[in-house]
Amino acid sequence: MTPKVNKQAVAQAFGRAAQSYNHHAQLQRLCGDRLMSLTDVSGYRQVLDAGCGSGWFSQRWRERGFQVTALDLSPAMLAEAESGQVAHHYLQGDIDALPLPDGAVDLCWSNLAVQWCDDLQHAVNQLCRVTRAGGKVLFSTLAADSLSEVRAAWRQLDAAQHVNHFLSVEQIAGACAGKNLQLSQQRLTLAFPDVLAAMRSLKGIGATHLHQGRSAGLMTRQRLQQLEQFWPRDGRGCLLSYHLVFGVISL
C-alpha cells in the first residue's frame, strides 16, 4: 500500500522549486511532448492542465488556441504560472478533489502529476468526471522501476528508502479498468556530469519529497563522495532513468 500522501508537504516541496522549475524540467518537457503527440485533439477548445507546475504546457496549449485552465496544488507554483500569463484561468486545487463541475472541459491534461495523488484510480475518475462526453483525458506518470540508479547508489550506504514507490504498469492499467484506454510506455535516461547535478535536477523539479518522511541528517561532502562512487554511470555521466507511462482515455 502507498502511504497516504501529505499534500501540504508535496505543495511545499514544489513551491520551493517554483522559480527554478523550468531550468530543471527537461524530463517534464520530453514527457509532455510525447504525450501531446499521442492523439488528435482537433475540434476541442477547453483544456484543464491538472498539475500545471510553472505552466510550460499551459502556454503550449494556449499557443494552439485552447482556452486553458491551469491548476496546481502548490500556491507558489501557480503564482509562477500566473506571472507568465500562460493560461486564461488559474485554480489552486488537488487532482484528488478537482474544484470543477462535471463535464467542464473538452480535454484534461496531466503531465507527470498523478503519481502525487493518494489513489490513481480515484485521480483518473476525477479527471474523467470534469471532462465532457466525447472529450479526452491525457495523463503521464512514472512506473515502478524509475530512478533505479538512486536506489542502487543509496543501497550501498544505508537501508533507508530514498525514492518514492511508483506503481507497476499493470497497476496503472488496472486503475483505468473499464475505460476506453490507450496505454503506451517509454524508457528515458538522462545523464548529468556528476551526482550533485543529478540530485539538483530532482530537487529543482520538487521531486525530492518522500511520502514516508526523510531521515535526519545533512548531505555531507563525504556522503556525496560515497554516492559518487556507487552511482551508475556511462560515458555520458551519472544516469537517471525513468519508465514513463502514457494514458489516453476517450470518453
Protein backbone atom coordinates (compact mmCIF):
# COMPACT_ATOMS: atom_id res chain seq x y z
CA MET A 1 0.00 0.00 0.00
CA THR A 2 1.23 3.51 -0.87
CA PRO A 3 1.32 5.74 2.24
CA LYS A 4 -1.30 8.47 2.29
CA VAL A 5 0.22 11.47 0.57
CA ASN A 6 0.93 14.54 2.70
CA LYS A 7 -0.41 17.07 0.20
CA GLN A 8 0.79 20.07 2.18
CA ALA A 9 4.35 18.72 2.17
CA VAL A 10 4.15 17.98 -1.57
CA ALA A 11 2.89 21.51 -2.25
CA GLN A 12 5.73 22.96 -0.18
CA ALA A 13 8.35 20.85 -1.98
CA PHE A 14 7.14 22.02 -5.36
CA GLY A 15 6.70 25.56 -4.10
CA ARG A 16 10.37 25.69 -3.14
CA ALA A 17 11.20 24.61 -6.68
CA ALA A 18 8.86 27.06 -8.42
CA GLN A 19 11.40 29.61 -9.61
CA SER A 20 13.98 27.03 -10.71
CA TYR A 21 11.50 24.56 -12.18
CA ASN A 22 11.80 25.45 -15.86
CA HIS A 23 15.58 25.28 -15.68
CA HIS A 24 15.48 21.66 -14.46
CA ALA A 25 12.32 20.36 -16.14
CA GLN A 26 13.88 18.56 -19.12
CA LEU A 27 12.11 15.33 -18.19
CA GLN A 28 8.72 17.05 -17.95
CA ARG A 29 9.15 18.66 -21.36
CA LEU A 30 10.27 15.47 -23.09
CA CYS A 31 7.46 13.52 -21.47
CA GLY A 32 4.83 16.15 -22.29
CA ASP A 33 5.95 16.40 -25.91
CA ARG A 34 5.47 12.63 -26.26
CA LEU A 35 2.05 12.79 -24.58
CA MET A 36 0.92 15.62 -26.88
CA SER A 37 1.81 13.54 -29.93
CA LEU A 38 -0.34 10.54 -29.00
CA THR A 39 -3.81 11.66 -30.07
CA ASP A 40 -5.73 14.08 -32.26
CA VAL A 41 -7.38 16.89 -30.29
CA SER A 42 -8.61 18.97 -33.22
CA GLY A 43 -12.06 20.42 -32.59
CA TYR A 44 -11.52 20.70 -28.83
CA ARG A 45 -11.42 24.13 -27.20
CA GLN A 46 -11.23 23.98 -23.40
CA VAL A 47 -8.35 22.26 -21.63
CA LEU A 48 -7.54 21.72 -17.96
CA ASP A 49 -3.82 21.49 -17.18
CA ALA A 50 -4.06 19.46 -13.96
CA GLY A 51 -0.78 19.79 -12.09
CA CYS A 52 0.40 22.62 -14.30
CA GLY A 53 3.65 23.36 -12.44
CA SER A 54 5.15 26.55 -13.79
CA GLY A 55 2.83 26.36 -16.80
CA TRP A 56 5.14 25.26 -19.60
CA PHE A 57 2.43 23.16 -21.26
CA SER A 58 -0.37 25.54 -20.30
CA GLN A 59 1.45 28.00 -22.52
CA ARG A 60 1.77 25.38 -25.28
CA TRP A 61 -1.97 24.71 -25.20
CA ARG A 62 -2.73 28.43 -25.20
CA GLU A 63 -0.50 28.96 -28.23
CA ARG A 64 -2.50 26.25 -30.01
CA GLY A 65 -5.70 28.26 -29.49
CA PHE A 66 -7.16 26.48 -26.45
CA GLN A 67 -8.91 28.14 -23.55
CA VAL A 68 -6.66 26.99 -20.71
CA THR A 69 -7.38 26.49 -17.03
CA ALA A 70 -4.14 25.93 -15.08
CA LEU A 71 -4.48 24.02 -11.79
CA ASP A 72 -1.82 23.17 -9.26
CA LEU A 73 -1.63 22.01 -5.66
CA SER A 74 1.15 24.49 -4.86
CA PRO A 75 0.19 28.18 -4.48
CA ALA A 76 3.79 29.21 -5.22
CA MET A 77 3.91 27.12 -8.39
CA LEU A 78 0.54 28.50 -9.51
CA ALA A 79 1.77 32.05 -8.85
CA GLU A 80 4.81 31.32 -11.05
CA ALA A 81 2.49 30.14 -13.82
CA GLU A 82 0.25 33.18 -13.45
CA SER A 83 3.22 35.55 -13.56
CA GLY A 84 3.97 34.18 -17.03
CA GLN A 85 0.35 34.63 -18.18
CA VAL A 86 0.37 31.07 -19.51
CA ALA A 87 -3.38 30.41 -19.12
CA HIS A 88 -6.77 32.10 -19.06
CA HIS A 89 -7.82 30.86 -15.63
CA TYR A 90 -5.85 29.71 -12.55
CA LEU A 91 -7.08 27.35 -9.85
CA GLN A 92 -5.32 26.19 -6.73
CA GLY A 93 -6.54 22.68 -6.11
CA ASP A 94 -5.97 18.95 -5.80
CA ILE A 95 -6.42 16.40 -8.60
CA ASP A 96 -7.94 14.11 -5.95
CA ALA A 97 -10.75 16.67 -5.49
CA LEU A 98 -10.94 18.83 -8.61
CA PRO A 99 -12.80 22.11 -7.93
CA LEU A 100 -14.73 21.96 -11.22
CA PRO A 101 -18.22 20.77 -12.17
CA ASP A 102 -18.87 17.64 -14.23
CA GLY A 103 -18.11 17.98 -17.93
CA ALA A 104 -16.43 21.37 -17.54
CA VAL A 105 -13.71 20.90 -20.19
CA ASP A 106 -13.17 19.16 -23.52
CA LEU A 107 -9.71 17.91 -22.63
CA CYS A 108 -7.99 17.03 -19.36
CA TRP A 109 -4.19 17.06 -19.46
CA SER A 110 -1.98 15.92 -16.59
CA ASN A 111 1.73 15.55 -17.25
CA LEU A 112 3.75 13.76 -14.51
CA ALA A 113 1.41 14.79 -11.69
CA VAL A 114 -0.88 11.86 -10.82
CA GLN A 115 1.96 9.96 -9.09
CA TRP A 116 1.50 12.50 -6.26
CA CYS A 117 -2.16 11.53 -5.77
CA ASP A 118 -3.49 9.35 -2.96
CA ASP A 119 -5.09 6.82 -5.30
CA LEU A 120 -4.58 6.68 -9.06
CA GLN A 121 -7.99 5.19 -9.81
CA HIS A 122 -9.70 8.00 -7.91
CA ALA A 123 -7.50 10.63 -9.60
CA VAL A 124 -8.31 9.26 -13.06
CA ASN A 125 -12.02 9.21 -12.18
CA GLN A 126 -11.76 12.87 -11.18
CA LEU A 127 -10.10 13.78 -14.47
CA CYS A 128 -12.81 11.89 -16.35
CA ARG A 129 -15.58 13.48 -14.29
CA VAL A 130 -14.68 17.04 -15.29
CA THR A 131 -14.26 16.07 -18.97
CA ARG A 132 -17.34 16.16 -21.18
CA ALA A 133 -18.65 13.16 -23.11
CA GLY A 134 -16.71 12.98 -26.36
CA GLY A 135 -13.66 14.57 -24.75
CA LYS A 136 -10.33 13.03 -23.79
CA VAL A 137 -8.09 12.62 -20.75
CA LEU A 138 -4.34 12.60 -21.35
CA PHE A 139 -2.03 11.69 -18.50
CA SER A 140 1.54 10.57 -17.92
CA THR A 141 3.14 9.07 -14.85
CA LEU A 142 6.16 7.12 -13.63
CA ALA A 143 6.30 3.33 -13.34
CA ALA A 144 7.91 1.24 -10.63
CA ASP A 145 11.47 0.91 -11.92
CA SER A 146 12.03 4.65 -12.36
CA LEU A 147 15.11 6.15 -10.64
CA SER A 148 16.75 2.76 -10.22
CA GLU A 149 20.18 4.47 -10.08
CA VAL A 150 19.19 6.43 -6.96
CA ARG A 151 18.10 3.22 -5.25
CA ALA A 152 21.23 1.35 -6.34
CA ALA A 153 23.63 4.01 -5.05
CA TRP A 154 21.94 4.54 -1.71
CA ARG A 155 21.57 0.80 -1.15
CA GLN A 156 25.36 0.66 -0.75
CA LEU A 157 25.22 3.23 2.06
CA ASP A 158 22.16 2.56 4.19
CA ALA A 159 18.84 0.72 4.37
CA ALA A 160 16.62 3.81 4.27
CA GLN A 161 14.21 4.48 1.43
CA HIS A 162 15.38 7.40 -0.70
CA VAL A 163 12.92 7.13 -3.58
CA ASN A 164 9.12 7.04 -3.52
CA HIS A 165 7.32 3.87 -4.56
CA PHE A 166 5.73 4.05 -8.01
CA LEU A 167 3.02 1.74 -9.36
CA SER A 168 3.73 -1.03 -11.82
CA VAL A 169 2.44 -0.75 -15.39
CA GLU A 170 -0.14 -3.43 -14.54
CA GLN A 171 -1.36 -1.40 -11.56
CA ILE A 172 -1.59 1.75 -13.68
CA ALA A 173 -3.64 -0.13 -16.27
CA GLY A 174 -5.80 -1.59 -13.51
CA ALA A 175 -6.57 1.88 -12.16
CA CYS A 176 -8.14 2.67 -15.54
CA ALA A 177 -10.10 -0.58 -15.85
CA GLY A 178 -13.40 -0.25 -17.69
CA LYS A 179 -12.33 2.90 -19.56
CA ASN A 180 -11.55 3.33 -23.25
CA LEU A 181 -7.82 3.50 -22.61
CA GLN A 182 -4.77 3.52 -24.85
CA LEU A 183 -1.63 2.90 -22.79
CA SER A 184 1.94 3.29 -24.03
CA GLN A 185 5.39 3.31 -22.46
CA GLN A 186 8.82 4.84 -22.92
CA ARG A 187 12.12 4.38 -21.11
CA LEU A 188 14.17 7.54 -20.91
CA THR A 189 17.63 8.04 -19.39
CA LEU A 190 19.10 11.46 -18.66
CA ALA A 191 22.80 11.99 -17.96
CA PHE A 192 24.50 14.50 -15.66
CA PRO A 193 28.15 15.48 -15.17
CA ASP A 194 28.15 14.32 -11.54
CA VAL A 195 25.94 13.14 -8.69
CA LEU A 196 25.41 16.64 -7.36
CA ALA A 197 23.98 17.75 -10.72
CA ALA A 198 21.71 14.69 -10.82
CA MET A 199 20.39 15.38 -7.32
CA ARG A 200 19.95 19.07 -8.08
CA SER A 201 17.82 18.13 -11.07
CA LEU A 202 15.48 16.16 -8.78
CA LYS A 203 15.37 18.95 -6.22
CA GLY A 204 14.88 21.54 -8.94
CA ILE A 205 11.61 19.95 -10.04
CA GLY A 206 10.35 19.42 -6.48
CA ALA A 207 10.67 15.64 -6.74
CA THR A 208 12.64 15.09 -3.53
CA HIS A 209 9.63 14.82 -1.21
CA LEU A 210 9.36 11.34 0.33
CA HIS A 211 5.91 10.16 1.41
CA GLN A 212 7.25 8.30 4.44
CA GLY A 213 9.44 11.20 5.55
CA ARG A 214 13.17 11.68 5.36
CA SER A 215 15.74 10.55 7.91
CA ALA A 216 17.53 13.31 9.73
CA GLY A 217 20.98 14.40 8.68
CA LEU A 218 22.61 16.70 6.17
CA MET A 219 24.16 15.67 2.89
CA THR A 220 27.83 15.93 3.82
CA ARG A 221 30.73 16.11 1.39
CA GLN A 222 31.78 12.62 2.47
CA ARG A 223 28.29 11.26 1.81
CA LEU A 224 28.27 12.87 -1.61
CA GLN A 225 31.65 11.32 -2.45
CA GLN A 226 30.35 7.91 -1.40
CA LEU A 227 27.30 8.30 -3.63
CA GLU A 228 29.56 9.37 -6.49
CA GLN A 229 31.46 6.11 -6.06
CA PHE A 230 28.39 3.89 -6.33
CA TRP A 231 26.14 5.85 -8.71
CA PRO A 232 25.62 4.06 -12.05
CA ARG A 233 27.17 5.92 -14.97
CA ASP A 234 28.33 5.57 -18.54
CA GLY A 235 30.41 7.70 -20.89
CA ARG A 236 27.80 10.48 -20.70
CA GLY A 237 27.97 10.81 -16.91
CA CYS A 238 25.75 9.94 -13.93
CA LEU A 239 22.43 8.49 -15.00
CA LEU A 240 18.80 8.97 -14.00
CA SER A 241 16.41 6.55 -15.69
CA TYR A 242 12.66 6.92 -15.96
CA HIS A 243 9.97 4.47 -17.01
CA LEU A 244 7.25 6.70 -18.43
CA VAL A 245 3.67 5.55 -18.88
CA PHE A 246 1.19 7.48 -21.05
CA GLY A 247 -2.57 7.14 -20.94
CA VAL A 248 -5.18 8.45 -23.39
CA ILE A 249 -8.78 7.93 -22.31
CA SER A 250 -11.57 8.66 -24.79
CA LEU A 251 -14.92 9.47 -23.23
